[in-house]
């Protein structure tokens, strides 16, 4: 079992993360999505956590669904938003019958080494409609850090490309600043034609 599966398994960890992430969201990234994806399209957020970005996506007029590997995050969001389409989903074994026009994640796949990333990108490819997009952000670099029993992976574009080039083409890439100058990478990928 991947460590990220168990890390957010308790209400205490979810509350701690929610408090620590107060004031952070993906608005900067989400505001770029309409450049590629028309309003009304279906989009699945992978690793929704407390659900802040899910609401931002809905505010732009997308048909949103949310997912997280943590039952705690999903249950907590569902209690606050009973009509929401949210569910538990493991990005290393995406087992759903729905198809989407786009997938979005904000620094969720930072827990995956290159092998896990490759596996996840293949799974993502399978749940996208033809011509679908993925919008993902990562910490930029080439390091691996360990903290709290989990590993965190930093990637550059070349490293990432090797994990998805079989299924996706790069439409847009951008380096941006979240905490330190140029510490983050945003990728827009398009599903390759069959």
N, C-alpha and C. Protein backbone atom coordinates (compact mmCIF):
# COMPACT_ATOMS: atom_id res chain seq x y z
N UNK A 1 0.84 -1.17 0.00
CA UNK A 1 0.00 0.00 0.00
C UNK A 1 0.89 1.24 0.00
N UNK A 2 0.56 2.20 -0.85
CA UNK A 2 1.34 3.43 -0.94
C UNK A 2 1.16 4.25 0.34
N UNK A 3 2.25 4.84 0.87
CA UNK A 3 2.15 5.60 2.13
C UNK A 3 1.13 6.73 2.09
N UNK A 4 0.92 7.35 0.93
CA UNK A 4 -0.04 8.45 0.85
C UNK A 4 -1.46 7.95 1.10
N UNK A 5 -1.69 6.65 0.94
CA UNK A 5 -3.00 6.06 1.17
C UNK A 5 -3.37 6.09 2.64
N UNK A 6 -2.39 5.92 3.50
CA UNK A 6 -2.66 5.84 4.92
C UNK A 6 -2.40 7.14 5.68
N UNK A 7 -1.62 8.03 5.11
CA UNK A 7 -1.23 9.24 5.83
C UNK A 7 -2.45 10.09 6.23
N UNK A 8 -3.40 10.25 5.31
CA UNK A 8 -4.58 11.07 5.57
C UNK A 8 -5.79 10.23 5.97
N UNK A 9 -5.54 9.14 6.68
CA UNK A 9 -6.61 8.21 7.04
C UNK A 9 -7.31 8.58 8.34
N UNK A 10 -6.79 9.54 9.08
CA UNK A 10 -7.41 9.88 10.37
C UNK A 10 -7.96 11.30 10.33
N UNK A 11 -8.99 11.55 11.12
CA UNK A 11 -9.54 12.92 11.19
C UNK A 11 -8.50 13.94 11.65
N UNK A 12 -7.58 13.52 12.51
CA UNK A 12 -6.55 14.44 12.99
C UNK A 12 -5.62 14.90 11.87
N UNK A 13 -5.19 13.96 11.04
CA UNK A 13 -4.30 14.31 9.92
C UNK A 13 -5.00 15.21 8.91
N UNK A 14 -6.27 14.92 8.65
CA UNK A 14 -7.05 15.73 7.70
C UNK A 14 -7.25 17.14 8.26
N UNK A 15 -7.57 17.25 9.53
CA UNK A 15 -7.74 18.56 10.16
C UNK A 15 -6.43 19.34 10.14
N UNK A 16 -5.33 18.66 10.46
CA UNK A 16 -4.01 19.31 10.46
C UNK A 16 -3.67 19.83 9.07
N UNK A 17 -3.88 19.00 8.04
CA UNK A 17 -3.59 19.43 6.67
C UNK A 17 -4.48 20.60 6.27
N UNK A 18 -5.75 20.51 6.60
CA UNK A 18 -6.70 21.57 6.25
C UNK A 18 -6.28 22.89 6.89
N UNK A 19 -5.87 22.85 8.14
CA UNK A 19 -5.41 24.07 8.83
C UNK A 19 -4.13 24.61 8.20
N UNK A 20 -3.19 23.73 7.91
CA UNK A 20 -1.91 24.17 7.34
C UNK A 20 -2.05 24.72 5.92
N UNK A 21 -3.06 24.25 5.20
CA UNK A 21 -3.24 24.70 3.81
C UNK A 21 -4.18 25.90 3.71
N UNK A 22 -4.61 26.42 4.84
CA UNK A 22 -5.48 27.59 4.84
C UNK A 22 -4.80 28.73 4.07
N UNK A 23 -5.53 29.35 3.18
CA UNK A 23 -4.98 30.44 2.39
C UNK A 23 -4.33 30.00 1.09
N UNK A 24 -4.18 28.69 0.89
CA UNK A 24 -3.62 28.18 -0.36
C UNK A 24 -4.73 27.56 -1.19
N UNK A 25 -4.68 27.81 -2.49
CA UNK A 25 -5.56 27.13 -3.43
C UNK A 25 -4.91 27.20 -4.81
N UNK A 26 -5.56 26.59 -5.78
CA UNK A 26 -5.00 26.54 -7.13
C UNK A 26 -5.59 27.57 -8.08
N UNK A 27 -6.09 28.69 -7.57
CA UNK A 27 -6.73 29.68 -8.43
C UNK A 27 -5.83 30.11 -9.59
N UNK A 28 -4.57 30.33 -9.32
CA UNK A 28 -3.63 30.73 -10.36
C UNK A 28 -3.62 29.72 -11.51
N UNK A 29 -3.66 28.42 -11.17
CA UNK A 29 -3.66 27.37 -12.18
C UNK A 29 -5.03 27.22 -12.83
N UNK A 30 -6.06 27.22 -12.01
CA UNK A 30 -7.42 27.02 -12.50
C UNK A 30 -7.83 28.11 -13.48
N UNK A 31 -7.36 29.33 -13.26
CA UNK A 31 -7.68 30.42 -14.18
C UNK A 31 -7.11 30.20 -15.58
N UNK A 32 -6.17 29.29 -15.74
CA UNK A 32 -5.59 28.99 -17.05
C UNK A 32 -6.38 27.91 -17.80
N UNK A 33 -7.20 27.16 -17.09
CA UNK A 33 -7.92 26.04 -17.70
C UNK A 33 -8.86 26.47 -18.82
N UNK A 34 -9.62 27.58 -18.69
CA UNK A 34 -10.51 27.98 -19.78
C UNK A 34 -9.80 28.27 -21.11
N UNK A 35 -8.49 28.47 -21.08
CA UNK A 35 -7.74 28.64 -22.32
C UNK A 35 -7.71 27.36 -23.15
N UNK A 36 -8.03 26.23 -22.51
CA UNK A 36 -7.94 24.93 -23.17
C UNK A 36 -9.24 24.14 -23.14
N UNK A 37 -10.10 24.40 -22.16
CA UNK A 37 -11.28 23.58 -21.93
C UNK A 37 -12.52 24.46 -21.87
N UNK A 38 -13.51 24.11 -22.71
CA UNK A 38 -14.72 24.94 -22.77
C UNK A 38 -15.59 24.76 -21.53
N UNK A 39 -16.30 25.82 -21.20
CA UNK A 39 -17.23 25.79 -20.08
C UNK A 39 -18.26 24.69 -20.29
N UNK A 40 -18.65 24.05 -19.21
CA UNK A 40 -19.62 22.96 -19.28
C UNK A 40 -18.99 21.60 -19.43
N UNK A 41 -17.68 21.55 -19.69
CA UNK A 41 -16.98 20.28 -19.81
C UNK A 41 -16.91 19.59 -18.45
N UNK A 42 -16.76 18.27 -18.50
CA UNK A 42 -16.64 17.52 -17.25
C UNK A 42 -15.17 17.45 -16.83
N UNK A 43 -14.95 17.66 -15.54
CA UNK A 43 -13.58 17.63 -15.03
C UNK A 43 -13.57 16.93 -13.68
N UNK A 44 -12.60 16.06 -13.51
CA UNK A 44 -12.41 15.32 -12.27
C UNK A 44 -11.16 15.84 -11.58
N UNK A 45 -11.32 16.30 -10.33
CA UNK A 45 -10.16 16.68 -9.55
C UNK A 45 -9.62 15.44 -8.86
N UNK A 46 -8.35 15.20 -9.05
CA UNK A 46 -7.65 14.07 -8.43
C UNK A 46 -6.96 14.60 -7.17
N UNK A 47 -7.26 13.99 -6.04
CA UNK A 47 -6.65 14.45 -4.79
C UNK A 47 -7.23 15.78 -4.34
N UNK A 48 -8.52 15.82 -4.15
CA UNK A 48 -9.21 17.08 -3.85
C UNK A 48 -8.94 17.63 -2.46
N UNK A 49 -8.45 16.80 -1.54
CA UNK A 49 -8.21 17.28 -0.18
C UNK A 49 -9.45 17.94 0.39
N UNK A 50 -9.33 19.15 0.95
CA UNK A 50 -10.49 19.83 1.54
C UNK A 50 -11.51 20.32 0.52
N UNK A 51 -11.16 20.33 -0.78
CA UNK A 51 -12.13 20.67 -1.81
C UNK A 51 -12.15 22.12 -2.25
N UNK A 52 -11.15 22.91 -1.87
CA UNK A 52 -11.14 24.33 -2.25
C UNK A 52 -11.07 24.51 -3.77
N UNK A 53 -10.21 23.74 -4.43
CA UNK A 53 -10.08 23.86 -5.88
C UNK A 53 -11.30 23.32 -6.60
N UNK A 54 -11.95 22.32 -6.03
CA UNK A 54 -13.16 21.77 -6.63
C UNK A 54 -14.22 22.86 -6.76
N UNK A 55 -14.36 23.67 -5.74
CA UNK A 55 -15.33 24.77 -5.79
C UNK A 55 -14.93 25.81 -6.82
N UNK A 56 -13.64 26.12 -6.93
CA UNK A 56 -13.17 27.08 -7.93
C UNK A 56 -13.48 26.59 -9.35
N UNK A 57 -13.30 25.30 -9.58
CA UNK A 57 -13.62 24.72 -10.89
C UNK A 57 -15.11 24.83 -11.18
N UNK A 58 -15.94 24.55 -10.18
CA UNK A 58 -17.39 24.66 -10.36
C UNK A 58 -17.79 26.10 -10.64
N UNK A 59 -17.14 27.05 -9.99
CA UNK A 59 -17.45 28.46 -10.20
C UNK A 59 -17.17 28.91 -11.64
N UNK A 60 -16.29 28.20 -12.33
CA UNK A 60 -15.99 28.52 -13.74
C UNK A 60 -16.99 27.87 -14.70
N UNK A 61 -17.92 27.10 -14.17
CA UNK A 61 -18.96 26.53 -15.01
C UNK A 61 -18.68 25.13 -15.51
N UNK A 62 -17.74 24.44 -14.87
CA UNK A 62 -17.44 23.07 -15.25
C UNK A 62 -18.34 22.10 -14.48
N UNK A 63 -18.61 20.94 -15.07
CA UNK A 63 -19.29 19.85 -14.38
C UNK A 63 -18.21 19.12 -13.58
N UNK A 64 -18.20 19.33 -12.28
CA UNK A 64 -17.08 18.86 -11.47
C UNK A 64 -17.41 17.59 -10.70
N UNK A 65 -16.40 16.76 -10.61
CA UNK A 65 -16.39 15.60 -9.72
C UNK A 65 -15.09 15.68 -8.95
N UNK A 66 -15.10 15.19 -7.73
CA UNK A 66 -13.90 15.24 -6.91
C UNK A 66 -13.54 13.86 -6.39
N UNK A 67 -12.25 13.65 -6.18
CA UNK A 67 -11.80 12.37 -5.67
C UNK A 67 -10.61 12.57 -4.76
N UNK A 68 -10.44 11.62 -3.88
CA UNK A 68 -9.27 11.60 -3.01
C UNK A 68 -9.07 10.18 -2.52
N UNK A 69 -7.85 9.83 -2.22
CA UNK A 69 -7.56 8.51 -1.68
C UNK A 69 -8.02 8.40 -0.22
N UNK A 70 -8.24 9.55 0.41
CA UNK A 70 -8.63 9.60 1.81
C UNK A 70 -10.15 9.59 1.98
N UNK A 71 -10.65 8.57 2.64
CA UNK A 71 -12.08 8.53 2.99
C UNK A 71 -12.44 9.73 3.86
N UNK A 72 -11.51 10.14 4.71
CA UNK A 72 -11.77 11.26 5.61
C UNK A 72 -12.04 12.55 4.85
N UNK A 73 -11.20 12.86 3.85
CA UNK A 73 -11.42 14.07 3.05
C UNK A 73 -12.75 13.98 2.30
N UNK A 74 -13.02 12.84 1.68
CA UNK A 74 -14.25 12.68 0.90
C UNK A 74 -15.48 12.79 1.79
N UNK A 75 -15.46 12.09 2.92
CA UNK A 75 -16.61 12.13 3.83
C UNK A 75 -16.84 13.53 4.38
N UNK A 76 -15.76 14.20 4.73
CA UNK A 76 -15.87 15.56 5.27
C UNK A 76 -16.48 16.51 4.24
N UNK A 77 -16.02 16.42 2.99
CA UNK A 77 -16.56 17.29 1.94
C UNK A 77 -18.03 16.95 1.67
N UNK A 78 -18.33 15.68 1.63
CA UNK A 78 -19.71 15.24 1.35
C UNK A 78 -20.67 15.71 2.44
N UNK A 79 -20.22 15.75 3.69
CA UNK A 79 -21.06 16.26 4.78
C UNK A 79 -21.38 17.74 4.58
N UNK A 80 -20.41 18.49 4.07
CA UNK A 80 -20.60 19.93 3.87
C UNK A 80 -21.34 20.23 2.57
N UNK A 81 -21.24 19.30 1.59
CA UNK A 81 -21.84 19.49 0.26
C UNK A 81 -22.53 18.19 -0.14
N UNK A 82 -23.72 17.92 0.41
CA UNK A 82 -24.37 16.61 0.22
C UNK A 82 -24.70 16.28 -1.24
N UNK A 83 -24.86 17.26 -2.10
CA UNK A 83 -25.20 17.00 -3.50
C UNK A 83 -23.98 16.85 -4.40
N UNK A 84 -22.80 16.89 -3.82
CA UNK A 84 -21.57 16.85 -4.62
C UNK A 84 -21.30 15.44 -5.14
N UNK A 85 -20.59 15.38 -6.25
CA UNK A 85 -20.16 14.11 -6.85
C UNK A 85 -18.69 13.89 -6.45
N UNK A 86 -18.50 13.29 -5.29
CA UNK A 86 -17.14 13.04 -4.79
C UNK A 86 -17.04 11.58 -4.37
N UNK A 87 -15.84 11.02 -4.53
CA UNK A 87 -15.66 9.61 -4.24
C UNK A 87 -14.20 9.31 -3.94
N UNK A 88 -13.98 8.18 -3.30
CA UNK A 88 -12.63 7.72 -2.98
C UNK A 88 -12.03 7.10 -4.23
N UNK A 89 -10.78 7.49 -4.51
CA UNK A 89 -10.11 7.01 -5.72
C UNK A 89 -8.61 6.96 -5.48
N UNK A 90 -8.01 5.84 -5.82
CA UNK A 90 -6.56 5.66 -5.74
C UNK A 90 -5.99 5.90 -7.13
N UNK A 91 -5.09 6.85 -7.27
CA UNK A 91 -4.54 7.22 -8.58
C UNK A 91 -3.63 6.16 -9.18
N UNK A 92 -3.30 5.15 -8.40
CA UNK A 92 -2.47 4.07 -8.93
C UNK A 92 -3.33 2.89 -9.41
N UNK A 93 -4.62 3.00 -9.18
CA UNK A 93 -5.54 1.96 -9.63
C UNK A 93 -6.90 2.60 -9.87
N UNK A 94 -6.99 3.44 -10.89
CA UNK A 94 -8.23 4.18 -11.15
C UNK A 94 -9.25 3.21 -11.72
N UNK A 95 -10.20 2.87 -10.87
CA UNK A 95 -11.20 1.87 -11.22
C UNK A 95 -12.59 2.50 -11.18
N UNK A 96 -12.91 3.26 -12.23
CA UNK A 96 -14.22 3.89 -12.33
C UNK A 96 -14.72 3.72 -13.76
N UNK A 97 -16.03 3.77 -13.91
CA UNK A 97 -16.61 3.59 -15.24
C UNK A 97 -16.86 4.91 -15.95
N UNK A 98 -16.84 6.02 -15.22
CA UNK A 98 -17.09 7.34 -15.82
C UNK A 98 -15.91 7.78 -16.69
N UNK A 99 -16.23 8.58 -17.68
CA UNK A 99 -15.22 9.22 -18.53
C UNK A 99 -15.33 10.74 -18.32
N UNK A 100 -14.22 11.44 -18.49
CA UNK A 100 -14.19 12.88 -18.26
C UNK A 100 -13.50 13.59 -19.42
N UNK A 101 -13.82 14.88 -19.56
CA UNK A 101 -13.16 15.70 -20.57
C UNK A 101 -11.80 16.18 -20.08
N UNK A 102 -11.63 16.22 -18.77
CA UNK A 102 -10.36 16.70 -18.21
C UNK A 102 -10.15 16.16 -16.80
N UNK A 103 -8.89 16.14 -16.41
CA UNK A 103 -8.47 15.79 -15.06
C UNK A 103 -7.60 16.92 -14.53
N UNK A 104 -7.69 17.18 -13.24
CA UNK A 104 -6.92 18.27 -12.63
C UNK A 104 -6.35 17.79 -11.31
N UNK A 105 -5.11 18.17 -11.03
CA UNK A 105 -4.54 17.95 -9.70
C UNK A 105 -3.55 19.06 -9.40
N UNK A 106 -3.50 19.43 -8.14
CA UNK A 106 -2.59 20.47 -7.69
C UNK A 106 -1.60 19.85 -6.70
N UNK A 107 -0.46 19.48 -7.21
CA UNK A 107 0.63 18.89 -6.42
C UNK A 107 0.18 17.66 -5.64
N UNK A 108 -0.55 16.81 -6.31
CA UNK A 108 -1.03 15.57 -5.70
C UNK A 108 -0.08 14.42 -6.02
N UNK A 109 0.46 14.40 -7.23
CA UNK A 109 1.31 13.28 -7.63
C UNK A 109 2.76 13.45 -7.20
N UNK A 110 2.99 14.38 -6.29
CA UNK A 110 4.34 14.58 -5.75
C UNK A 110 4.77 13.42 -4.85
N UNK A 111 3.83 12.56 -4.50
CA UNK A 111 4.14 11.40 -3.66
C UNK A 111 4.60 10.20 -4.49
N UNK A 112 4.59 10.32 -5.80
CA UNK A 112 4.86 9.19 -6.69
C UNK A 112 6.26 9.25 -7.28
N UNK A 113 6.96 8.10 -7.23
CA UNK A 113 8.22 8.00 -7.97
C UNK A 113 7.87 7.84 -9.45
N UNK A 114 8.88 7.77 -10.31
CA UNK A 114 8.62 7.74 -11.75
C UNK A 114 7.82 6.51 -12.17
N UNK A 115 8.04 5.39 -11.54
CA UNK A 115 7.28 4.18 -11.87
C UNK A 115 5.80 4.35 -11.55
N UNK A 116 5.49 4.89 -10.36
CA UNK A 116 4.10 5.14 -9.98
C UNK A 116 3.46 6.20 -10.86
N UNK A 117 4.24 7.23 -11.22
CA UNK A 117 3.70 8.26 -12.11
C UNK A 117 3.30 7.67 -13.45
N UNK A 118 4.17 6.83 -14.01
CA UNK A 118 3.86 6.19 -15.29
C UNK A 118 2.57 5.38 -15.19
N UNK A 119 2.45 4.63 -14.13
CA UNK A 119 1.24 3.82 -13.92
C UNK A 119 0.00 4.71 -13.80
N UNK A 120 0.11 5.81 -13.06
CA UNK A 120 -1.02 6.70 -12.88
C UNK A 120 -1.41 7.37 -14.20
N UNK A 121 -0.42 7.83 -14.96
CA UNK A 121 -0.74 8.47 -16.24
C UNK A 121 -1.45 7.50 -17.19
N UNK A 122 -1.07 6.24 -17.17
CA UNK A 122 -1.77 5.27 -18.00
C UNK A 122 -3.22 5.15 -17.55
N UNK A 123 -3.45 5.09 -16.25
CA UNK A 123 -4.81 5.01 -15.71
C UNK A 123 -5.61 6.27 -16.07
N UNK A 124 -4.98 7.42 -15.97
CA UNK A 124 -5.65 8.68 -16.30
C UNK A 124 -6.07 8.70 -17.77
N UNK A 125 -5.18 8.24 -18.62
CA UNK A 125 -5.47 8.16 -20.05
C UNK A 125 -6.76 7.37 -20.30
N UNK A 126 -6.94 6.30 -19.54
CA UNK A 126 -8.09 5.42 -19.74
C UNK A 126 -9.42 6.02 -19.33
N UNK A 127 -9.44 7.04 -18.47
CA UNK A 127 -10.71 7.64 -18.05
C UNK A 127 -11.00 8.97 -18.73
N UNK A 128 -10.15 9.34 -19.70
CA UNK A 128 -10.37 10.58 -20.44
C UNK A 128 -11.10 10.31 -21.75
N UNK A 129 -12.02 11.20 -22.07
CA UNK A 129 -12.64 11.17 -23.39
C UNK A 129 -11.58 11.49 -24.44
N UNK A 130 -11.82 11.09 -25.68
CA UNK A 130 -10.90 11.44 -26.77
C UNK A 130 -10.70 12.95 -26.80
N UNK A 131 -9.45 13.37 -26.98
CA UNK A 131 -9.13 14.80 -27.00
C UNK A 131 -9.12 15.44 -25.64
N UNK A 132 -9.20 14.63 -24.57
CA UNK A 132 -9.24 15.17 -23.22
C UNK A 132 -7.92 15.74 -22.75
N UNK A 133 -8.01 16.56 -21.71
CA UNK A 133 -6.84 17.25 -21.16
C UNK A 133 -6.57 16.82 -19.73
N UNK A 134 -5.30 16.93 -19.33
CA UNK A 134 -4.93 16.85 -17.93
C UNK A 134 -4.20 18.14 -17.57
N UNK A 135 -4.49 18.63 -16.38
CA UNK A 135 -3.88 19.84 -15.84
C UNK A 135 -3.27 19.47 -14.50
N UNK A 136 -1.94 19.42 -14.44
CA UNK A 136 -1.27 18.96 -13.21
C UNK A 136 -0.13 19.90 -12.83
N UNK A 137 0.04 20.06 -11.52
CA UNK A 137 1.19 20.83 -11.03
C UNK A 137 2.09 19.92 -10.18
N UNK A 138 3.36 20.29 -10.15
CA UNK A 138 4.39 19.54 -9.43
C UNK A 138 5.37 20.52 -8.81
N UNK A 139 6.08 20.05 -7.79
CA UNK A 139 7.25 20.80 -7.32
C UNK A 139 8.34 20.59 -8.36
N UNK A 140 9.03 21.65 -8.69
CA UNK A 140 10.05 21.59 -9.74
C UNK A 140 11.43 21.33 -9.14
N UNK A 141 12.14 20.39 -9.75
CA UNK A 141 13.49 20.06 -9.31
C UNK A 141 13.81 18.63 -9.66
N UNK A 142 14.78 18.08 -9.00
CA UNK A 142 15.18 16.69 -9.24
C UNK A 142 15.43 15.96 -7.92
N UNK A 143 14.90 16.51 -6.84
CA UNK A 143 15.17 15.96 -5.52
C UNK A 143 14.06 15.03 -5.04
N UNK A 144 14.39 14.30 -3.99
CA UNK A 144 13.43 13.50 -3.25
C UNK A 144 13.62 13.85 -1.78
N UNK A 145 12.51 14.17 -1.12
CA UNK A 145 12.55 14.49 0.30
C UNK A 145 11.65 13.51 1.04
N UNK A 146 12.02 13.24 2.28
CA UNK A 146 11.19 12.40 3.14
C UNK A 146 10.76 13.22 4.35
N UNK A 147 9.48 13.07 4.69
CA UNK A 147 8.95 13.79 5.84
C UNK A 147 7.71 13.05 6.33
N UNK A 148 7.62 12.83 7.62
CA UNK A 148 6.44 12.22 8.21
C UNK A 148 6.13 10.84 7.67
N UNK A 149 7.15 10.10 7.26
CA UNK A 149 6.93 8.76 6.74
C UNK A 149 6.56 8.70 5.27
N UNK A 150 6.60 9.84 4.59
CA UNK A 150 6.28 9.86 3.15
C UNK A 150 7.43 10.48 2.38
N UNK A 151 7.54 10.05 1.12
CA UNK A 151 8.52 10.62 0.21
C UNK A 151 7.83 11.64 -0.69
N UNK A 152 8.55 12.72 -0.99
CA UNK A 152 8.06 13.78 -1.87
C UNK A 152 9.05 13.91 -3.02
N UNK A 153 8.53 13.87 -4.24
CA UNK A 153 9.38 13.89 -5.43
C UNK A 153 9.22 15.20 -6.18
N UNK A 154 10.35 15.78 -6.54
CA UNK A 154 10.39 16.99 -7.35
C UNK A 154 10.80 16.56 -8.75
N UNK A 155 10.18 17.17 -9.77
CA UNK A 155 10.42 16.75 -11.16
C UNK A 155 10.71 17.95 -12.05
N UNK A 156 11.51 17.69 -13.09
CA UNK A 156 11.63 18.66 -14.17
C UNK A 156 10.82 18.13 -15.36
N UNK A 157 10.67 18.94 -16.37
CA UNK A 157 9.82 18.56 -17.51
C UNK A 157 10.32 17.30 -18.19
N UNK A 158 11.62 17.15 -18.35
CA UNK A 158 12.16 15.98 -19.04
C UNK A 158 11.83 14.69 -18.27
N UNK A 159 11.99 14.74 -16.96
CA UNK A 159 11.68 13.57 -16.14
C UNK A 159 10.20 13.21 -16.26
N UNK A 160 9.34 14.22 -16.19
CA UNK A 160 7.90 13.98 -16.29
C UNK A 160 7.52 13.44 -17.66
N UNK A 161 8.09 14.01 -18.69
CA UNK A 161 7.74 13.60 -20.06
C UNK A 161 7.97 12.10 -20.25
N UNK A 162 9.01 11.57 -19.66
CA UNK A 162 9.30 10.14 -19.81
C UNK A 162 8.21 9.27 -19.19
N UNK A 163 7.42 9.84 -18.27
CA UNK A 163 6.37 9.06 -17.61
C UNK A 163 5.04 9.09 -18.34
N UNK A 164 4.83 10.06 -19.25
CA UNK A 164 3.52 10.18 -19.89
C UNK A 164 3.54 10.23 -21.41
N UNK A 165 4.72 10.30 -22.04
CA UNK A 165 4.79 10.56 -23.48
C UNK A 165 4.10 9.50 -24.33
N UNK A 166 3.87 8.33 -23.80
CA UNK A 166 3.17 7.28 -24.54
C UNK A 166 1.69 7.62 -24.73
N UNK A 167 1.13 8.40 -23.80
CA UNK A 167 -0.32 8.66 -23.80
C UNK A 167 -0.71 10.11 -24.02
N UNK A 168 0.22 11.05 -23.78
CA UNK A 168 -0.13 12.47 -23.81
C UNK A 168 0.91 13.29 -24.55
N UNK A 169 0.43 14.40 -25.14
CA UNK A 169 1.30 15.42 -25.72
C UNK A 169 1.26 16.66 -24.83
N UNK A 170 2.38 17.35 -24.72
CA UNK A 170 2.44 18.59 -23.95
C UNK A 170 1.82 19.71 -24.78
N UNK A 171 0.84 20.38 -24.21
CA UNK A 171 0.20 21.53 -24.85
C UNK A 171 0.78 22.82 -24.29
N UNK A 172 1.06 22.81 -23.00
CA UNK A 172 1.56 24.02 -22.33
C UNK A 172 2.36 23.58 -21.10
N UNK A 173 3.44 24.25 -20.86
CA UNK A 173 4.19 24.06 -19.61
C UNK A 173 4.60 25.42 -19.11
N UNK A 174 4.60 25.55 -17.80
CA UNK A 174 4.90 26.83 -17.20
C UNK A 174 5.56 26.64 -15.84
N UNK A 175 6.63 27.35 -15.62
CA UNK A 175 7.25 27.41 -14.31
C UNK A 175 6.64 28.59 -13.57
N UNK A 176 6.33 28.38 -12.29
CA UNK A 176 5.76 29.47 -11.51
C UNK A 176 6.28 29.40 -10.08
N UNK A 177 5.96 30.42 -9.31
CA UNK A 177 6.43 30.53 -7.94
C UNK A 177 5.27 30.30 -6.99
N UNK A 178 5.45 29.34 -6.07
CA UNK A 178 4.46 29.16 -5.01
C UNK A 178 5.04 29.62 -3.68
N UNK A 179 6.22 29.13 -3.33
CA UNK A 179 6.87 29.54 -2.08
C UNK A 179 8.23 30.18 -2.34
N UNK A 180 9.00 29.55 -3.21
CA UNK A 180 10.32 30.06 -3.59
C UNK A 180 10.30 30.35 -5.09
N UNK A 181 11.18 31.22 -5.57
CA UNK A 181 11.17 31.55 -7.00
C UNK A 181 11.29 30.30 -7.89
N UNK A 182 10.38 30.20 -8.85
CA UNK A 182 10.39 29.11 -9.85
C UNK A 182 10.45 27.73 -9.23
N UNK A 183 9.70 27.51 -8.15
CA UNK A 183 9.74 26.22 -7.45
C UNK A 183 8.69 25.22 -7.94
N UNK A 184 7.85 25.65 -8.90
CA UNK A 184 6.72 24.81 -9.29
C UNK A 184 6.59 24.72 -10.80
N UNK A 185 5.92 23.66 -11.24
CA UNK A 185 5.75 23.39 -12.66
C UNK A 185 4.29 23.04 -12.93
N UNK A 186 3.70 23.68 -13.91
CA UNK A 186 2.32 23.41 -14.32
C UNK A 186 2.34 22.87 -15.74
N UNK A 187 1.69 21.73 -15.94
CA UNK A 187 1.63 21.09 -17.26
C UNK A 187 0.19 20.95 -17.72
N UNK A 188 -0.02 21.25 -18.99
CA UNK A 188 -1.28 20.95 -19.65
C UNK A 188 -0.95 19.91 -20.71
N UNK A 189 -1.60 18.77 -20.60
CA UNK A 189 -1.35 17.65 -21.53
C UNK A 189 -2.65 17.30 -22.23
N UNK A 190 -2.52 16.84 -23.47
CA UNK A 190 -3.69 16.41 -24.25
C UNK A 190 -3.54 14.94 -24.59
N UNK A 191 -4.63 14.21 -24.44
CA UNK A 191 -4.65 12.79 -24.76
C UNK A 191 -4.33 12.60 -26.23
N UNK A 192 -3.41 11.69 -26.50
CA UNK A 192 -3.04 11.42 -27.89
C UNK A 192 -4.20 10.75 -28.61
N UNK A 193 -4.29 11.03 -29.88
CA UNK A 193 -5.32 10.41 -30.73
C UNK A 193 -5.07 8.91 -30.80
N UNK A 194 -6.16 8.11 -30.85
CA UNK A 194 -5.97 6.64 -30.90
C UNK A 194 -5.31 6.20 -32.19
